[in-house]
PDB file of N, CA and C in Angstrom:
ATOM      1  N   MET A   1       3.245   5.999 -11.806  1.00  0.00           N
ATOM      2  CA  MET A   1       4.672   6.199 -11.670  1.00  0.00           C
ATOM      3  C   MET A   1       4.635   7.152 -10.578  1.00  0.00           C
ATOM      4  N   ALA A   2       5.585   7.083  -9.787  1.00  0.00           N
ATOM      5  CA  ALA A   2       6.375   8.197  -8.673  1.00  0.00           C
ATOM      6  C   ALA A   2       7.551   8.505  -8.670  1.00  0.00           C
ATOM      7  N   THR A   3       8.395   9.861  -8.980  1.00  0.00           N
ATOM      8  CA  THR A   3       9.479   9.903  -8.685  1.00  0.00           C
ATOM      9  C   THR A   3       9.946  11.166  -7.769  1.00  0.00           C
ATOM     10  N   VAL A   4      10.534  10.444  -6.911  1.00  0.00           N
ATOM     11  CA  VAL A   4      10.467  11.639  -5.549  1.00  0.00           C
ATOM     12  C   VAL A   4      12.215  11.764  -5.376  1.00  0.00           C
ATOM     13  N   LYS A   5      12.652  12.903  -4.619  1.00  0.00           N
ATOM     14  CA  LYS A   5      13.618  12.700  -3.849  1.00  0.00           C
ATOM     15  C   LYS A   5      13.537  12.960  -2.265  1.00  0.00           C
ATOM     16  N   TYR A   6      14.286  11.993  -1.392  1.00  0.00           N
ATOM     17  CA  TYR A   6      13.954  11.883  -0.122  1.00  0.00           C
ATOM     18  C   TYR A   6      15.493  11.854   0.143  1.00  0.00           C
ATOM     19  N   THR A   7      15.171  12.343   1.847  1.00  0.00           N
ATOM     20  CA  THR A   7      16.444  12.167   2.939  1.00  0.00           C
ATOM     21  C   THR A   7      16.457  10.895   3.865  1.00  0.00           C
ATOM     22  N   TRP A   8      17.079  10.388   4.124  1.00  0.00           N
ATOM     23  CA  TRP A   8      16.886   9.451   5.128  1.00  0.00           C
ATOM     24  C   TRP A   8      18.315   9.298   6.148  1.00  0.00           C
ATOM     25  N   LYS A   9      18.000   9.597   7.294  1.00  0.00           N
ATOM     26  CA  LYS A   9      19.172   9.404   8.028  1.00  0.00           C
ATOM     27  C   LYS A   9      20.365  10.253   7.616  1.00  0.00           C
ATOM     28  N   LYS A  10      20.014  11.816   7.217  1.00  0.00           N
ATOM     29  CA  LYS A  10      20.820  12.571   6.924  1.00  0.00           C
ATOM     30  C   LYS A  10      21.751  12.395   5.451  1.00  0.00           C
ATOM     31  N   TYR A  11      21.123  11.339   4.715  1.00  0.00           N
ATOM     32  CA  TYR A  11      21.421  10.581   3.326  1.00  0.00           C
ATOM     33  C   TYR A  11      20.680  11.392   2.324  1.00  0.00           C
ATOM     34  N   LEU A  12      20.821  11.982   1.204  1.00  0.00           N
ATOM     35  CA  LEU A  12      19.936  12.171   0.366  1.00  0.00           C
ATOM     36  C   LEU A  12      19.802  11.223  -0.766  1.00  0.00           C
ATOM     37  N   LYS A  13      18.546  11.102  -1.346  1.00  0.00           N
ATOM     38  CA  LYS A  13      18.729  10.061  -2.494  1.00  0.00           C
ATOM     39  C   LYS A  13      17.985  11.086  -3.206  1.00  0.00           C
ATOM     40  N   PRO A  14      18.598  11.589  -4.709  1.00  0.00           N
ATOM     41  CA  PRO A  14      18.245  12.401  -5.395  1.00  0.00           C
ATOM     42  C   PRO A  14      16.923  11.960  -6.380  1.00  0.00           C
ATOM     43  N   SER A  15      17.053  10.892  -6.769  1.00  0.00           N
ATOM     44  CA  SER A  15      15.646  10.182  -7.282  1.00  0.00           C
ATOM     45  C   SER A  15      15.324   8.865  -6.835  1.00  0.00           C
ATOM     46  N   GLY A  16      13.799   8.438  -6.539  1.00  0.00           N
ATOM     47  CA  GLY A  16      13.625   7.211  -6.146  1.00  0.00           C
ATOM     48  C   GLY A  16      12.176   7.250  -6.770  1.00  0.00           C
ATOM     49  N   SER A  17      12.179   6.028  -7.594  1.00  0.00           N
ATOM     50  CA  SER A  17      10.918   5.897  -8.326  1.00  0.00           C
ATOM     51  C   SER A  17       9.981   4.353  -7.797  1.00  0.00           C
ATOM     52  N   PHE A  18       8.872   4.366  -7.969  1.00  0.00           N
ATOM     53  CA  PHE A  18       8.181   3.374  -7.596  1.00  0.00           C
ATOM     54  C   PHE A  18       6.779   3.518  -8.229  1.00  0.00           C
ATOM     55  N   PHE A  19       5.825   2.551  -8.302  1.00  0.00           N
ATOM     56  CA  PHE A  19       4.363   2.364  -8.825  1.00  0.00           C
ATOM     57  C   PHE A  19       3.866   2.949  -7.763  1.00  0.00           C
ATOM     58  N   ILE A  20       2.389   3.697  -8.212  1.00  0.00           N
ATOM     59  CA  ILE A  20       1.461   3.809  -7.234  1.00  0.00           C
ATOM     60  C   ILE A  20      -0.026   3.092  -8.094  1.00  0.00           C
ATOM     61  N   GLY A  21      -0.385   2.039  -6.911  1.00  0.00           N
ATOM     62  CA  GLY A  21      -1.885   1.348  -7.303  1.00  0.00           C
ATOM     63  C   GLY A  21      -1.903   0.162  -7.777  1.00  0.00           C
ATOM     64  N   SER A  22      -0.479  -0.166  -7.716  1.00  0.00           N
ATOM     65  CA  SER A  22      -0.001  -1.825  -8.345  1.00  0.00           C
ATOM     66  C   SER A  22      -0.029  -2.891  -7.406  1.00  0.00           C
ATOM     67  N   SER A  23      -0.361  -3.990  -7.544  1.00  0.00           N
ATOM     68  CA  SER A  23      -0.348  -4.917  -6.857  1.00  0.00           C
ATOM     69  C   SER A  23       0.771  -5.421  -6.263  1.00  0.00           C
ATOM     70  N   PRO A  24       1.165  -5.846  -5.123  1.00  0.00           N
ATOM     71  CA  PRO A  24       2.620  -6.384  -4.656  1.00  0.00           C
ATOM     72  C   PRO A  24       2.900  -7.705  -5.910  1.00  0.00           C
ATOM     73  N   GLU A  25       2.129  -8.227  -5.808  1.00  0.00           N
ATOM     74  CA  GLU A  25       1.993  -9.663  -6.941  1.00  0.00           C
ATOM     75  C   GLU A  25       2.703  -9.142  -8.298  1.00  0.00           C
ATOM     76  N   PHE A  26       1.978  -8.415  -8.575  1.00  0.00           N
ATOM     77  CA  PHE A  26       2.251  -7.486 -10.171  1.00  0.00           C
ATOM     78  C   PHE A  26       4.007  -7.192 -10.258  1.00  0.00           C
ATOM     79  N   GLU A  27       4.250  -6.159  -8.868  1.00  0.00           N
ATOM     80  CA  GLU A  27       5.176  -5.600  -9.304  1.00  0.00           C
ATOM     81  C   GLU A  27       6.680  -6.977  -8.748  1.00  0.00           C
ATOM     82  N   MET A  28       6.277  -8.085  -8.264  1.00  0.00           N
ATOM     83  CA  MET A  28       7.145  -9.023  -8.194  1.00  0.00           C
ATOM     84  C   MET A  28       7.555  -9.954  -9.326  1.00  0.00           C
ATOM     85  N   ALA A  29       6.439  -9.894 -10.265  1.00  0.00           N
ATOM     86  CA  ALA A  29       6.186 -10.809 -11.177  1.00  0.00           C
ATOM     87  C   ALA A  29       6.787  -9.780 -12.007  1.00  0.00           C
ATOM     88  N   LEU A  30       7.044  -8.474 -12.271  1.00  0.00           N
ATOM     89  CA  LEU A  30       7.558  -7.662 -13.355  1.00  0.00           C
ATOM     90  C   LEU A  30       8.746  -7.513 -13.259  1.00  0.00           C
ATOM     91  N   ASP A  31       9.661  -7.505 -11.773  1.00  0.00           N
ATOM     92  CA  ASP A  31      10.808  -7.366 -11.306  1.00  0.00           C
ATOM     93  C   ASP A  31      11.707  -8.831 -11.476  1.00  0.00           C
ATOM     94  N   THR A  32      10.953  -9.793 -11.560  1.00  0.00           N
ATOM     95  CA  THR A  32      11.489 -11.073 -11.809  1.00  0.00           C
ATOM     96  C   THR A  32      11.812 -11.256 -13.089  1.00  0.00           C
ATOM     97  N   LEU A  33      10.801 -11.128 -13.958  1.00  0.00           N
ATOM     98  CA  LEU A  33      10.664 -11.197 -15.409  1.00  0.00           C
ATOM     99  C   LEU A  33      11.617 -10.182 -15.929  1.00  0.00           C
ATOM    100  N   CYS A  34      11.963  -9.067 -15.328  1.00  0.00           N
ATOM    101  CA  CYS A  34      13.025  -8.111 -16.405  1.00  0.00           C
ATOM    102  C   CYS A  34      14.587  -8.977 -15.618  1.00  0.00           C
ATOM    103  N   PHE A  35      14.679  -8.829 -14.604  1.00  0.00           N
ATOM    104  CA  PHE A  35      15.904  -9.767 -13.855  1.00  0.00           C
ATOM    105  C   PHE A  35      16.246 -10.927 -14.407  1.00  0.00           C
ATOM    106  N   LEU A  36      15.659 -11.232 -14.765  1.00  0.00           N
ATOM    107  CA  LEU A  36      16.130 -12.946 -14.981  1.00  0.00           C
ATOM    108  C   LEU A  36      16.356 -12.622 -16.674  1.00  0.00           C
ATOM    109  N   THR A  37      15.758 -11.945 -17.295  1.00  0.00           N
ATOM    110  CA  THR A  37      15.932 -11.946 -18.903  1.00  0.00           C
ATOM    111  C   THR A  37      17.046 -10.607 -19.264  1.00  0.00           C
ATOM    112  N   SER A  38      17.721 -10.134 -18.083  1.00  0.00           N
ATOM    113  CA  SER A  38      18.094  -8.851 -18.483  1.00  0.00           C
ATOM    114  C   SER A  38      19.576  -8.910 -17.599  1.00  0.00           C
ATOM    115  N   ARG A  39      19.794 -10.030 -17.137  1.00  0.00           N
ATOM    116  CA  ARG A  39      21.251 -10.080 -16.214  1.00  0.00           C
ATOM    117  C   ARG A  39      22.442 -10.255 -16.468  1.00  0.00           C
ATOM    118  N   PRO A  40      23.279  -9.894 -16.582  1.00  0.00           N
ATOM    119  CA  PRO A  40      23.478  -9.240 -14.832  1.00  0.00           C
ATOM    120  C   PRO A  40      23.161  -7.674 -15.007  1.00  0.00           C
ATOM    121  N   ARG A  41      23.414  -6.460 -15.530  1.00  0.00           N
ATOM    122  CA  ARG A  41      22.754  -5.575 -15.018  1.00  0.00           C
ATOM    123  C   ARG A  41      22.278  -5.167 -16.727  1.00  0.00           C
ATOM    124  N   GLY A  42      20.843  -4.607 -16.498  1.00  0.00           N
ATOM    125  CA  GLY A  42      20.180  -4.718 -17.635  1.00  0.00           C
ATOM    126  C   GLY A  42      19.107  -3.905 -17.573  1.00  0.00           C
ATOM    127  N   SER A  43      18.164  -3.622 -18.644  1.00  0.00           N
ATOM    128  CA  SER A  43      16.983  -3.012 -18.534  1.00  0.00           C
ATOM    129  C   SER A  43      15.908  -3.225 -19.135  1.00  0.00           C
ATOM    130  N   CYS A  44      14.638  -3.633 -19.321  1.00  0.00           N
ATOM    131  CA  CYS A  44      13.766  -3.889 -19.933  1.00  0.00           C
ATOM    132  C   CYS A  44      12.756  -2.778 -20.370  1.00  0.00           C
ATOM    133  N   LYS A  45      11.910  -2.701 -21.362  1.00  0.00           N
ATOM    134  CA  LYS A  45      11.064  -1.918 -21.792  1.00  0.00           C
ATOM    135  C   LYS A  45      10.021  -2.569 -21.873  1.00  0.00           C
ATOM    136  N   PHE A  46       8.448  -1.918 -21.096  1.00  0.00           N
ATOM    137  CA  PHE A  46       7.178  -2.679 -21.319  1.00  0.00           C
ATOM    138  C   PHE A  46       6.563  -1.296 -21.730  1.00  0.00           C
ATOM    139  N   GLU A  47       5.278  -1.613 -22.344  1.00  0.00           N
ATOM    140  CA  GLU A  47       4.347  -1.005 -22.399  1.00  0.00           C
ATOM    141  C   GLU A  47       3.015  -1.552 -21.913  1.00  0.00           C
ATOM    142  N   LEU A  48       2.510  -0.253 -20.602  1.00  0.00           N
ATOM    143  CA  LEU A  48       0.977  -1.005 -20.157  1.00  0.00           C
ATOM    144  C   LEU A  48      -0.172   0.056 -20.421  1.00  0.00           C
ATOM    145  N   GLU A  49      -1.321  -0.251 -20.576  1.00  0.00           N
ATOM    146  CA  GLU A  49      -2.459   0.747 -20.762  1.00  0.00           C
ATOM    147  C   GLU A  49      -1.893   2.253 -21.822  1.00  0.00           C
ATOM    148  N   LYS A  50      -1.029   1.600 -22.591  1.00  0.00           N
ATOM    149  CA  LYS A  50      -0.716   2.816 -23.398  1.00  0.00           C
ATOM    150  C   LYS A  50       0.542   3.778 -23.325  1.00  0.00           C
ATOM    151  N   CYS A  51       1.543   3.108 -21.922  1.00  0.00           N
ATOM    152  CA  CYS A  51       2.331   4.378 -21.329  1.00  0.00           C
ATOM    153  C   CYS A  51       3.267   3.179 -21.407  1.00  0.00           C
ATOM    154  N   SER A  52       4.486   3.695 -21.886  1.00  0.00           N
ATOM    155  CA  SER A  52       5.618   2.794 -21.911  1.00  0.00           C
ATOM    156  C   SER A  52       6.465   3.247 -20.802  1.00  0.00           C
ATOM    157  N   PHE A  53       7.448   2.245 -20.219  1.00  0.00           N
ATOM    158  CA  PHE A  53       8.238   2.250 -18.746  1.00  0.00           C
ATOM    159  C   PHE A  53       9.594   1.740 -18.754  1.00  0.00           C
ATOM    160  N   GLY A  54      10.151   1.866 -17.938  1.00  0.00           N
ATOM    161  CA  GLY A  54      11.364   0.327 -18.413  1.00  0.00           C
ATOM    162  C   GLY A  54      11.951   0.205 -16.833  1.00  0.00           C
ATOM    163  N   MET A  55      12.397  -0.536 -16.609  1.00  0.00           N
ATOM    164  CA  MET A  55      13.059  -1.070 -15.554  1.00  0.00           C
ATOM    165  C   MET A  55      14.433  -1.626 -15.549  1.00  0.00           C
ATOM    166  N   THR A  56      15.296  -1.057 -14.385  1.00  0.00           N
ATOM    167  CA  THR A  56      16.524  -1.119 -14.190  1.00  0.00           C
ATOM    168  C   THR A  56      16.786  -1.835 -13.584  1.00  0.00           C
ATOM    169  N   SER A  57      17.760  -3.164 -13.645  1.00  0.00           N
ATOM    170  CA  SER A  57      18.158  -4.070 -12.728  1.00  0.00           C
ATOM    171  C   SER A  57      19.706  -4.428 -12.346  1.00  0.00           C
ATOM    172  N   TYR A  58      19.973  -4.512 -11.226  1.00  0.00           N
ATOM    173  CA  TYR A  58      21.499  -5.196 -10.677  1.00  0.00           C
ATOM    174  C   TYR A  58      21.529  -6.339 -10.237  1.00  0.00           C
ATOM    175  N   GLU A  59      22.475  -7.179 -10.339  1.00  0.00           N
ATOM    176  CA  GLU A  59      22.579  -8.150  -9.516  1.00  0.00           C
ATOM    177  C   GLU A  59      23.052  -7.878  -8.818  1.00  0.00           C
ATOM    178  N   LEU A  60      23.364  -8.727  -7.426  1.00  0.00           N
ATOM    179  CA  LEU A  60      24.131  -9.061  -6.378  1.00  0.00           C
ATOM    180  C   LEU A  60      24.458  -9.875  -6.130  1.00  0.00           C
ATOM    181  N   ILE A  61      25.963 -10.527  -6.258  1.00  0.00           N
ATOM    182  CA  ILE A  61      26.370 -12.256  -5.642  1.00  0.00           C
ATOM    183  C   ILE A  61      27.113 -12.162  -4.368  1.00  0.00           C
ATOM    184  N   GLN A  62      26.391 -12.799  -3.580  1.00  0.00           N
ATOM    185  CA  GLN A  62      27.017 -13.263  -2.219  1.00  0.00           C
ATOM    186  C   GLN A  62      27.343 -14.805  -2.081  1.00  0.00           C
ATOM    187  N   LYS A  63      28.606 -15.029  -1.816  1.00  0.00           N
ATOM    188  CA  LYS A  63      28.683 -16.817  -1.604  1.00  0.00           C
ATOM    189  C   LYS A  63      28.195 -17.739  -2.717  1.00  0.00           C
ATOM    190  N   GLU A  64      28.468 -16.839  -3.809  1.00  0.00           N
ATOM    191  CA  GLU A  64      28.261 -17.641  -5.154  1.00  0.00           C
ATOM    192  C   GLU A  64      26.937 -17.892  -5.421  1.00  0.00           C
ATOM    193  N   LYS A  65      25.744 -17.014  -4.925  1.00  0.00           N
ATOM    194  CA  LYS A  65      24.514 -17.184  -5.090  1.00  0.00           C
ATOM    195  C   LYS A  65      24.708 -15.670  -5.676  1.00  0.00           C
ATOM    196  N   VAL A  66      22.883 -15.985  -6.661  1.00  0.00           N
ATOM    197  CA  VAL A  66      22.578 -14.287  -7.241  1.00  0.00           C
ATOM    198  C   VAL A  66      21.383 -13.883  -6.968  1.00  0.00           C
ATOM    199  N   TYR A  67      21.619 -12.357  -6.598  1.00  0.00           N
ATOM    200  CA  TYR A  67      20.345 -12.160  -5.986  1.00  0.00           C
ATOM    201  C   TYR A  67      20.072 -10.745  -6.748  1.00  0.00           C
ATOM    202  N   ILE A  68      18.846 -10.282  -6.573  1.00  0.00           N
ATOM    203  CA  ILE A  68      18.645  -8.855  -6.926  1.00  0.00           C
ATOM    204  C   ILE A  68      19.171  -7.931  -6.180  1.00  0.00           C
ATOM    205  N   GLY A  69      20.104  -7.166  -6.763  1.00  0.00           N
ATOM    206  CA  GLY A  69      20.322  -6.336  -5.724  1.00  0.00           C
ATOM    207  C   GLY A  69      19.382  -4.929  -5.487  1.00  0.00           C
ATOM    208  N   THR A  70      19.088  -4.570  -6.999  1.00  0.00           N
ATOM    209  CA  THR A  70      17.825  -3.465  -6.811  1.00  0.00           C
ATOM    210  C   THR A  70      17.580  -3.784  -8.337  1.00  0.00           C
ATOM    211  N   ILE A  71      16.369  -3.496  -8.141  1.00  0.00           N
ATOM    212  CA  ILE A  71      15.489  -3.161  -9.690  1.00  0.00           C
ATOM    213  C   ILE A  71      14.566  -1.976  -9.425  1.00  0.00           C
ATOM    214  N   TYR A  72      14.182  -1.095 -10.298  1.00  0.00           N
ATOM    215  CA  TYR A  72      13.712   0.092 -10.313  1.00  0.00           C
ATOM    216  C   TYR A  72      13.054   0.195 -11.458  1.00  0.00           C
ATOM    217  N   PRO A  73      11.684   0.928 -11.424  1.00  0.00           N
ATOM    218  CA  PRO A  73      10.941   1.445 -13.056  1.00  0.00           C
ATOM    219  C   PRO A  73      11.966   2.922 -13.165  1.00  0.00           C
ATOM    220  N   THR A  74      11.574   2.980 -14.410  1.00  0.00           N
ATOM    221  CA  THR A  74      11.935   4.095 -14.672  1.00  0.00           C
ATOM    222  C   THR A  74      10.618   4.801 -15.996  1.00  0.00           C
ATOM    223  N   ALA A  75      10.281   5.981 -15.682  1.00  0.00           N
ATOM    224  CA  ALA A  75       9.109   6.605 -16.791  1.00  0.00           C
ATOM    225  C   ALA A  75       9.779   6.648 -18.221  1.00  0.00           C
ATOM    226  N   GLY A  76       9.008   6.136 -19.116  1.00  0.00           N
ATOM    227  CA  GLY A  76       8.812   6.337 -20.434  1.00  0.00           C
ATOM    228  C   GLY A  76       8.835   7.731 -21.105  1.00  0.00           C
ATOM    229  N   LYS A  77       8.551   7.673 -22.331  1.00  0.00           N
ATOM    230  CA  LYS A  77       8.130   8.983 -22.762  1.00  0.00           C
ATOM    231  C   LYS A  77       6.918   9.107 -22.400  1.00  0.00           C
ATOM    232  N   MET A  78       6.264  10.564 -22.391  1.00  0.00           N
ATOM    233  CA  MET A  78       5.025  10.358 -22.535  1.00  0.00           C
ATOM    234  C   MET A  78       4.633  11.095 -23.759  1.00  0.00           C
ATOM    235  N   THR A  79       3.892  10.170 -24.137  1.00  0.00           N
ATOM    236  CA  THR A  79       3.385  10.298 -25.476  1.00  0.00           C
ATOM    237  C   THR A  79       1.643  10.774 -25.104  1.00  0.00           C
ATOM    238  N   GLU A  80       1.174  11.408 -26.620  1.00  0.00           N
ATOM    239  CA  GLU A  80      -0.468  11.646 -26.690  1.00  0.00           C
ATOM    240  C   GLU A  80      -1.434  10.690 -26.097  1.00  0.00           C
ATOM    241  N   LYS A  81      -1.268   9.388 -26.589  1.00  0.00           N
ATOM    242  CA  LYS A  81      -2.008   7.961 -26.292  1.00  0.00           C
ATOM    243  C   LYS A  81      -1.891   7.761 -24.775  1.00  0.00           C
ATOM    244  N   CYS A  82      -0.882   7.979 -24.145  1.00  0.00           N
ATOM    245  CA  CYS A  82      -0.404   7.899 -22.839  1.00  0.00           C
ATOM    246  C   CYS A  82      -1.500   9.144 -22.100  1.00  0.00           C
ATOM    247  N   ARG A  83      -0.840   9.986 -22.521  1.00  0.00           N
ATOM    248  CA  ARG A  83      -1.631  11.507 -21.802  1.00  0.00           C
ATOM    249  C   ARG A  83      -3.516  10.943 -21.986  1.00  0.00           C
ATOM    250  N   ARG A  84      -3.950  11.481 -23.102  1.00  0.00           N
ATOM    251  CA  ARG A  84      -5.003  10.516 -23.249  1.00  0.00           C
ATOM    252  C   ARG A  84      -5.790   9.825 -22.632  1.00  0.00           C
ATOM    253  N   HIS A  85      -5.021   8.213 -22.300  1.00  0.00           N
ATOM    254  CA  HIS A  85      -5.712   7.070 -21.560  1.00  0.00           C
ATOM    255  C   HIS A  85      -5.655   7.379 -20.014  1.00  0.00           C
ATOM    256  N   SER A  86      -4.309   8.231 -19.825  1.00  0.00           N
ATOM    257  CA  SER A  86      -4.140   8.497 -17.938  1.00  0.00           C
ATOM    258  C   SER A  86      -5.152   9.527 -17.580  1.00  0.00           C
ATOM    259  N   ILE A  87      -5.785  10.500 -18.491  1.00  0.00           N
ATOM    260  CA  ILE A  87      -6.864  11.538 -18.160  1.00  0.00           C
ATOM    261  C   ILE A  87      -8.118  10.829 -18.081  1.00  0.00           C
ATOM    262  N   ASN A  88      -8.224   9.718 -19.207  1.00  0.00           N
ATOM    263  CA  ASN A  88      -9.554   9.336 -19.178  1.00  0.00           C
ATOM    264  C   ASN A  88      -9.768   8.725 -17.879  1.00  0.00           C
ATOM    265  N   LYS A  89      -8.850   7.600 -17.492  1.00  0.00           N
ATOM    266  CA  LYS A  89      -9.085   6.519 -16.363  1.00  0.00           C
ATOM    267  C   LYS A  89      -8.659   7.548 -15.214  1.00  0.00           C
ATOM    268  N   SER A  90      -8.591   8.380 -14.708  1.00  0.00           N
ATOM    269  CA  SER A  90      -8.662   9.487 -13.778  1.00  0.00           C
ATOM    270  C   SER A  90      -9.825   9.976 -13.390  1.00  0.00           C
ATOM    271  N   CYS A  91     -10.819  10.412 -14.634  1.00  0.00           N
ATOM    272  CA  CYS A  91     -12.037  10.529 -14.586  1.00  0.00           C
ATOM    273  C   CYS A  91     -12.894   9.830 -14.285  1.00  0.00           C
ATOM    274  N   MET A  92     -12.802   8.428 -14.359  1.00  0.00           N
ATOM    275  CA  MET A  92     -13.707   7.373 -14.017  1.00  0.00           C
ATOM    276  C   MET A  92     -14.296   7.155 -12.414  1.00  0.00           C
TER     277      MET A  92
END
């Protein structure tokens, strides 16, 4: 996961996060799971490969239909288990 700040058309986004190296299918499944279980505005917590992270979602309602307004990952607490697992995986 990466968190970056960037500018687009002179507008600054102070923080944006996204996954690195995951498949679009995984991200769509995770987004859908979190959105459907935490509506209307919620957060989900996950643990994957010994590392915790969260997802924050907001719904958007247009013409009486509910859509995902936005959903994004947030880094969890960096534990020693996660750090060791990440280092070992990057050395492969």
